[in-house]
Amino acid sequence: MKPLEVFRPETRAWFERNFAAPTPAQAKGWPAIAGGSHVLIQAPTGSGKTLAAFLSAIDRLAASPNEGLRVLYVSPLKALNYDIERNLRGPLAGLDSALRVGVRTGDTPGKERRELVKTPPDILITTPESLFLLLTSSARETLRGVETVILDEVHALPEKIKAFLDGDHPIDEIARRVHDKQFFLYLGRHVGLPVCLEGALKLKEISYIPTDAYSAGEMKHGPIALLAEGTPVVVVATNIHVYDKIVSNIQETRARGAHVIAVATDGNEDIQHHADDVIYVPRTPNFLQASLAVIPLQLLAYRIARLRGLNVDQPRNLAKTVTVE
């Protein structure tokens, strides 16, 4: 099947009027998207991957406009205006489409937000932060009909993960300093909390060290009583909107003698004034930070287990637990 054969004649004609030929990302992406499976298009900036996603969505919705929100596009704020104008509004205007587009960001006035809930558009453009607010409010009902989610920036994750793994980080040195400790506390806020839960679980299951993972905002409701001089406290302190509150939590734990190990975003020099050890991860949009921040915690658990002389491939009791009903 040729890439453009997946489209209606009108869509195909519009593309041929405006472009000489599909890019490699589009040529491979369109048949995969038309097949109905989840698709990851990994290609450099300017390769046409955003248009590949939008044009597929527009073509599919063209015959049924104004039937509720069905396409959700999530992208960092800095990329929104350019992507919308070139890759979404351009095709819609060229096709004389009746599809409606809505935009919700942190700057969207309350009146417009209420209108988006009252009369949902066919396509909603939003940021990760605004999507979080949607999901945690009554407005989430407007998302029930979503059929397609387009996530920008995901394609960059493999390269950033490789950059971290190939880079120079202090995980081995940190592991040697704390591998004999008898208790670890993990603290995080927002996207950092699930990262902490995974990090604590990994250390527990392969090192057999008692751990506790907690929302940093609720630290005083119990976990803080477990802190003693030298207790390792692992904190996810990447660049998110609650960073200042995370720093406050770090200061509270250090005031009680804890040894703080922070996972932070590249370029954040401030964290060095608050944590005893810092592991840096590459910059990435907030909604993708968990995918990167969890890697150093998994590696830390692995190094600690090896230093304790444990077999990480066959954790005690775990094999029977997960294979026997």
Protein backbone atom coordinates (compact mmCIF):
# COMPACT_ATOMS: atom_id res chain seq x y z
CA MET A 1 0.00 0.00 0.00
CA LYS A 2 1.31 3.46 -0.91
CA PRO A 3 1.35 5.92 2.03
CA LEU A 4 -1.27 8.31 0.58
CA GLU A 5 -3.70 5.52 -0.27
CA VAL A 6 -4.86 5.43 3.35
CA PHE A 7 -6.53 8.84 2.92
CA ARG A 8 -9.77 10.06 1.38
CA PRO A 9 -9.33 11.59 -2.11
CA GLU A 10 -9.76 15.13 -0.74
CA THR A 11 -7.03 14.69 1.84
CA ARG A 12 -4.71 13.05 -0.64
CA ALA A 13 -5.25 15.89 -3.14
CA TRP A 14 -4.53 18.56 -0.51
CA PHE A 15 -1.27 16.89 0.45
CA GLU A 16 -0.13 16.53 -3.17
CA ARG A 17 -0.85 20.22 -3.80
CA ASN A 18 1.31 21.28 -0.88
CA PHE A 19 4.13 18.71 -0.74
CA ALA A 20 6.26 16.93 -3.30
CA ALA A 21 6.12 13.60 -1.50
CA PRO A 22 5.72 12.08 1.98
CA THR A 23 8.78 12.17 4.20
CA PRO A 24 10.20 8.83 5.41
CA ALA A 25 8.46 9.36 8.77
CA GLN A 26 5.12 9.90 7.03
CA ALA A 27 5.60 7.09 4.53
CA LYS A 28 6.14 4.58 7.34
CA GLY A 29 3.80 6.18 9.85
CA TRP A 30 0.57 6.54 7.87
CA PRO A 31 0.04 2.84 7.03
CA ALA A 32 0.83 1.91 10.66
CA ILE A 33 -1.63 4.48 12.01
CA ALA A 34 -4.30 3.35 9.53
CA GLY A 35 -3.84 -0.17 10.83
CA GLY A 36 -5.21 0.93 14.19
CA SER A 37 -2.23 0.01 16.34
CA HIS A 38 -0.24 2.21 18.73
CA VAL A 39 2.49 3.98 16.77
CA LEU A 40 5.75 5.62 17.85
CA ILE A 41 7.37 7.77 15.17
CA GLN A 42 10.98 8.41 16.09
CA ALA A 43 12.47 11.00 13.77
CA PRO A 44 14.34 14.31 14.03
CA THR A 45 12.73 17.74 14.14
CA GLY A 46 11.42 18.79 10.73
CA SER A 47 10.72 15.23 9.57
CA GLY A 48 6.95 15.75 9.29
CA LYS A 49 5.95 13.43 12.13
CA THR A 50 3.53 15.92 13.71
CA LEU A 51 1.75 16.45 10.39
CA ALA A 52 1.65 12.67 9.98
CA ALA A 53 -0.33 12.39 13.21
CA PHE A 54 -2.63 15.36 12.62
CA LEU A 55 -3.48 14.58 9.01
CA SER A 56 -4.44 11.02 9.92
CA ALA A 57 -6.73 12.32 12.65
CA ILE A 58 -8.29 14.99 10.42
CA ASP A 59 -8.95 12.50 7.64
CA ARG A 60 -10.65 10.07 10.01
CA LEU A 61 -12.90 12.71 11.60
CA ALA A 62 -13.73 14.62 8.42
CA ALA A 63 -17.03 12.82 7.78
CA SER A 64 -18.38 13.38 11.30
CA PRO A 65 -17.62 16.87 12.65
CA ASN A 66 -19.08 18.24 15.89
CA GLU A 67 -19.63 14.86 17.52
CA GLY A 68 -17.57 15.53 20.62
CA LEU A 69 -13.92 15.42 21.59
CA ARG A 70 -12.14 12.54 19.88
CA VAL A 71 -8.55 13.68 19.35
CA LEU A 72 -6.27 14.90 22.14
CA TYR A 73 -2.89 16.46 21.36
CA VAL A 74 -0.45 16.93 24.26
CA SER A 75 2.68 19.00 23.81
CA PRO A 76 4.94 21.33 25.82
CA LEU A 77 3.72 24.92 25.69
CA LYS A 78 6.72 26.21 23.71
CA ALA A 79 5.86 23.95 20.78
CA LEU A 80 2.12 24.55 20.64
CA ASN A 81 1.74 27.65 18.46
CA TYR A 82 4.07 26.48 15.69
CA ASP A 83 2.71 22.95 15.60
CA ILE A 84 -0.91 24.06 15.56
CA GLU A 85 -0.55 26.64 12.79
CA ARG A 86 1.56 24.57 10.43
CA ASN A 87 0.36 21.04 11.05
CA LEU A 88 -3.27 21.43 12.13
CA ARG A 89 -4.89 24.72 11.16
CA GLY A 90 -3.15 24.67 7.77
CA PRO A 91 -4.65 21.33 6.68
CA LEU A 92 -8.05 22.21 8.18
CA ALA A 93 -8.19 25.45 6.20
CA GLY A 94 -6.95 23.79 3.02
CA LEU A 95 -9.61 21.10 3.30
CA ASP A 96 -12.33 23.61 4.24
CA SER A 97 -13.02 21.35 7.20
CA ALA A 98 -15.86 21.84 9.68
CA LEU A 99 -13.87 20.23 12.49
CA ARG A 100 -13.54 22.39 15.59
CA VAL A 101 -10.28 22.88 17.49
CA GLY A 102 -9.98 23.92 21.12
CA VAL A 103 -6.89 24.97 23.06
CA ARG A 104 -6.47 24.69 26.81
CA THR A 105 -3.31 25.88 28.55
CA GLY A 106 -2.55 27.58 31.84
CA ASP A 107 -3.36 30.93 30.18
CA THR A 108 -6.82 29.93 28.95
CA PRO A 109 -9.44 32.20 30.62
CA GLY A 110 -12.06 30.57 32.84
CA LYS A 111 -14.88 31.47 30.45
CA GLU A 112 -13.18 29.65 27.59
CA ARG A 113 -12.48 26.62 29.78
CA ARG A 114 -16.14 26.38 30.73
CA GLU A 115 -17.10 26.63 27.06
CA LEU A 116 -14.74 23.77 26.20
CA VAL A 117 -16.57 21.61 28.74
CA LYS A 118 -20.03 22.74 27.66
CA THR A 119 -19.36 22.31 23.92
CA PRO A 120 -16.29 20.11 23.45
CA PRO A 121 -14.31 20.59 20.22
CA ASP A 122 -13.43 17.71 17.90
CA ILE A 123 -9.72 18.20 18.61
CA LEU A 124 -8.28 19.50 21.88
CA ILE A 125 -4.76 20.92 22.13
CA THR A 126 -3.31 21.03 25.62
CA THR A 127 -0.17 20.92 27.71
CA PRO A 128 0.81 18.16 30.16
CA GLU A 129 0.08 20.46 33.10
CA SER A 130 -3.38 21.37 31.83
CA LEU A 131 -4.14 17.74 31.03
CA PHE A 132 -3.38 16.86 34.65
CA LEU A 133 -5.90 19.48 35.79
CA LEU A 134 -8.47 18.09 33.35
CA LEU A 135 -8.01 14.56 34.62
CA THR A 136 -8.39 15.60 38.24
CA SER A 137 -11.57 17.67 37.80
CA SER A 138 -15.13 17.13 36.63
CA ALA A 139 -13.99 18.28 33.16
CA ARG A 140 -12.47 14.80 32.67
CA GLU A 141 -15.90 13.66 31.49
CA THR A 142 -15.19 15.45 28.19
CA LEU A 143 -12.29 13.02 27.62
CA ARG A 144 -14.43 9.87 27.65
CA GLY A 145 -14.94 9.94 23.88
CA VAL A 146 -11.27 10.40 22.99
CA GLU A 147 -10.18 7.88 20.36
CA THR A 148 -6.74 9.23 19.49
CA VAL A 149 -4.03 10.67 21.74
CA ILE A 150 -1.04 12.37 20.11
CA LEU A 151 1.92 12.83 22.46
CA ASP A 152 4.69 15.10 21.27
CA GLU A 153 8.33 14.68 22.38
CA VAL A 154 7.99 10.94 23.13
CA HIS A 155 10.26 10.17 20.18
CA ALA A 156 13.18 11.81 22.00
CA LEU A 157 13.06 9.48 25.01
CA PRO A 158 15.26 6.63 23.67
CA GLU A 159 18.10 9.04 22.87
CA LYS A 160 17.86 10.71 26.26
CA ILE A 161 17.83 7.36 28.05
CA LYS A 162 20.90 6.29 26.08
CA ALA A 163 22.61 9.59 26.88
CA PHE A 164 22.04 8.99 30.58
CA LEU A 165 23.23 5.38 30.51
CA ASP A 166 26.35 6.35 28.55
CA GLY A 167 27.05 9.36 30.75
CA ASP A 168 29.14 9.83 33.85
CA HIS A 169 27.02 9.65 36.99
CA PRO A 170 27.84 8.93 40.67
CA ILE A 171 25.55 5.94 41.21
CA ASP A 172 28.39 3.51 41.98
CA GLU A 173 29.96 5.87 44.52
CA ILE A 174 26.61 6.54 46.19
CA ALA A 175 25.85 2.83 46.38
CA ARG A 176 29.19 2.16 48.13
CA ARG A 177 28.37 4.79 50.76
CA VAL A 178 24.88 3.56 51.59
CA HIS A 179 24.69 -0.15 50.73
CA ASP A 180 24.96 -1.21 54.38
CA LYS A 181 22.14 1.01 55.63
CA GLN A 182 19.16 -0.71 57.23
CA PHE A 183 16.36 1.57 56.00
CA PHE A 184 15.69 3.90 53.03
CA LEU A 185 13.00 6.55 52.69
CA TYR A 186 11.86 7.71 49.22
CA LEU A 187 10.06 11.05 48.78
CA GLY A 188 8.44 12.65 45.75
CA ARG A 189 5.66 14.97 44.65
CA HIS A 190 3.46 15.01 41.56
CA VAL A 191 5.09 12.85 38.85
CA GLY A 192 7.93 12.13 41.27
CA LEU A 193 5.75 10.06 43.61
CA PRO A 194 5.22 7.04 41.31
CA VAL A 195 8.94 7.16 40.53
CA CYS A 196 9.66 6.85 44.25
CA LEU A 197 7.22 3.97 44.62
CA GLU A 198 9.01 2.05 41.86
CA GLY A 199 12.48 2.89 43.21
CA ALA A 200 11.59 1.77 46.73
CA LEU A 201 10.00 -1.43 45.47
CA LYS A 202 13.05 -2.30 43.38
CA LEU A 203 15.44 -1.79 46.29
CA LYS A 204 13.20 -3.81 48.58
CA GLU A 205 12.80 -6.79 46.25
CA ILE A 206 16.44 -7.27 45.23
CA SER A 207 18.34 -5.92 48.27
CA TYR A 208 15.92 -6.98 51.04
CA ILE A 209 16.26 -3.58 52.68
CA PRO A 210 13.12 -2.18 54.36
CA THR A 211 11.97 0.90 52.46
CA ASP A 212 9.12 3.38 52.58
CA ALA A 213 7.96 5.58 49.70
CA TYR A 214 5.78 8.54 50.56
CA SER A 215 4.30 11.71 49.16
CA ALA A 216 6.73 14.39 50.34
CA GLY A 217 3.82 16.64 51.27
CA GLU A 218 2.64 14.06 53.82
CA MET A 219 6.06 13.25 55.20
CA LYS A 220 5.23 14.56 58.66
CA HIS A 221 2.37 12.08 59.06
CA GLY A 222 4.64 9.21 60.06
CA PRO A 223 7.78 8.65 57.94
CA ILE A 224 9.68 11.55 59.48
CA ALA A 225 9.68 9.66 62.79
CA LEU A 226 11.83 6.95 61.19
CA LEU A 227 14.68 9.30 60.35
CA ALA A 228 17.95 9.00 62.24
CA GLU A 229 21.49 10.24 61.69
CA GLY A 230 22.65 9.03 58.27
CA THR A 231 19.32 7.58 57.10
CA PRO A 232 19.34 7.61 53.27
CA VAL A 233 16.47 9.66 51.87
CA VAL A 234 16.04 9.43 48.10
CA VAL A 235 14.19 12.43 46.67
CA VAL A 236 12.94 12.95 43.12
CA ALA A 237 13.61 16.67 42.59
CA THR A 238 13.28 17.17 38.86
CA ASN A 239 12.18 20.50 37.39
CA ILE A 240 8.45 20.60 38.08
CA HIS A 241 6.15 23.28 39.48
CA VAL A 242 6.46 21.94 43.06
CA TYR A 243 10.27 22.00 43.07
CA ASP A 244 10.46 24.65 45.81
CA LYS A 245 8.25 22.53 48.07
CA ILE A 246 10.46 19.51 47.41
CA VAL A 247 13.49 21.56 48.49
CA SER A 248 11.65 22.45 51.69
CA ASN A 249 11.05 18.75 52.35
CA ILE A 250 14.74 18.02 51.74
CA GLN A 251 15.73 20.67 54.28
CA GLU A 252 13.41 19.11 56.85
CA THR A 253 14.99 15.68 56.44
CA ARG A 254 18.55 17.01 56.54
CA ALA A 255 17.74 18.92 59.71
CA ARG A 256 17.16 15.49 61.27
CA GLY A 257 20.47 14.09 60.09
CA ALA A 258 19.31 12.31 56.94
CA HIS A 259 21.64 11.68 53.98
CA VAL A 260 19.77 13.03 50.95
CA ILE A 261 20.23 11.53 47.49
CA ALA A 262 18.44 13.67 44.89
CA VAL A 263 17.48 12.90 41.31
CA ALA A 264 17.49 16.24 39.50
CA THR A 265 17.29 17.74 36.02
CA ASP A 266 20.47 18.60 34.12
CA GLY A 267 21.54 22.18 34.74
CA ASN A 268 19.96 22.51 38.18
CA GLU A 269 22.84 23.78 40.31
CA ASP A 270 20.56 24.85 43.16
CA ILE A 271 19.94 21.26 44.25
CA GLN A 272 23.62 20.86 45.11
CA HIS A 273 23.11 23.26 48.01
CA HIS A 274 20.44 21.03 49.53
CA ALA A 275 21.30 17.39 48.80
CA ASP A 276 24.32 15.34 49.84
CA ASP A 277 24.43 13.51 46.50
CA VAL A 278 22.85 14.42 43.16
CA ILE A 279 22.13 12.21 40.15
CA TYR A 280 21.28 14.27 37.08
CA VAL A 281 18.94 13.13 34.30
CA PRO A 282 18.45 14.83 30.90
CA ARG A 283 15.89 17.59 30.47
CA THR A 284 12.50 16.44 29.23
CA PRO A 285 8.87 17.67 29.39
CA ASN A 286 7.17 17.13 32.74
CA PHE A 287 4.89 14.37 31.54
CA LEU A 288 7.89 12.29 30.42
CA GLN A 289 10.11 12.89 33.44
CA ALA A 290 9.08 9.71 35.21
CA SER A 291 10.43 7.57 32.37
CA LEU A 292 13.89 9.06 32.90
CA ALA A 293 13.92 9.66 36.65
CA VAL A 294 13.16 6.03 37.46
CA ILE A 295 16.29 4.74 35.71
CA PRO A 296 18.86 5.98 38.27
CA LEU A 297 16.73 4.54 41.07
CA GLN A 298 16.67 1.14 39.37
CA LEU A 299 20.43 1.27 38.84
CA LEU A 300 21.00 2.34 42.44
CA ALA A 301 18.99 -0.65 43.68
CA TYR A 302 21.00 -2.94 41.39
CA ARG A 303 24.37 -1.62 42.58
CA ILE A 304 23.39 -1.87 46.23
CA ALA A 305 22.21 -5.45 45.80
CA ARG A 306 25.47 -6.44 44.12
CA LEU A 307 27.53 -4.80 46.87
CA ARG A 308 25.56 -6.83 49.42
CA GLY A 309 26.50 -10.00 47.54
CA LEU A 310 22.96 -10.79 46.38
CA ASN A 311 21.78 -12.51 43.20
CA VAL A 312 19.69 -9.86 41.43
CA ASP A 313 18.49 -12.37 38.83
CA GLN A 314 16.82 -14.59 41.44
CA PRO A 315 15.44 -12.43 44.26
CA ARG A 316 14.52 -14.32 47.42
CA ASN A 317 10.92 -15.63 47.35
CA LEU A 318 9.99 -13.38 44.44
CA ALA A 319 10.16 -16.00 41.67
CA LYS A 320 7.58 -18.26 43.32
CA THR A 321 5.35 -15.33 44.15
CA VAL A 322 5.02 -14.16 40.57
CA THR A 323 4.88 -17.53 38.81
CA VAL A 324 2.58 -19.57 41.04
CA GLU A 325 -1.12 -18.79 41.36
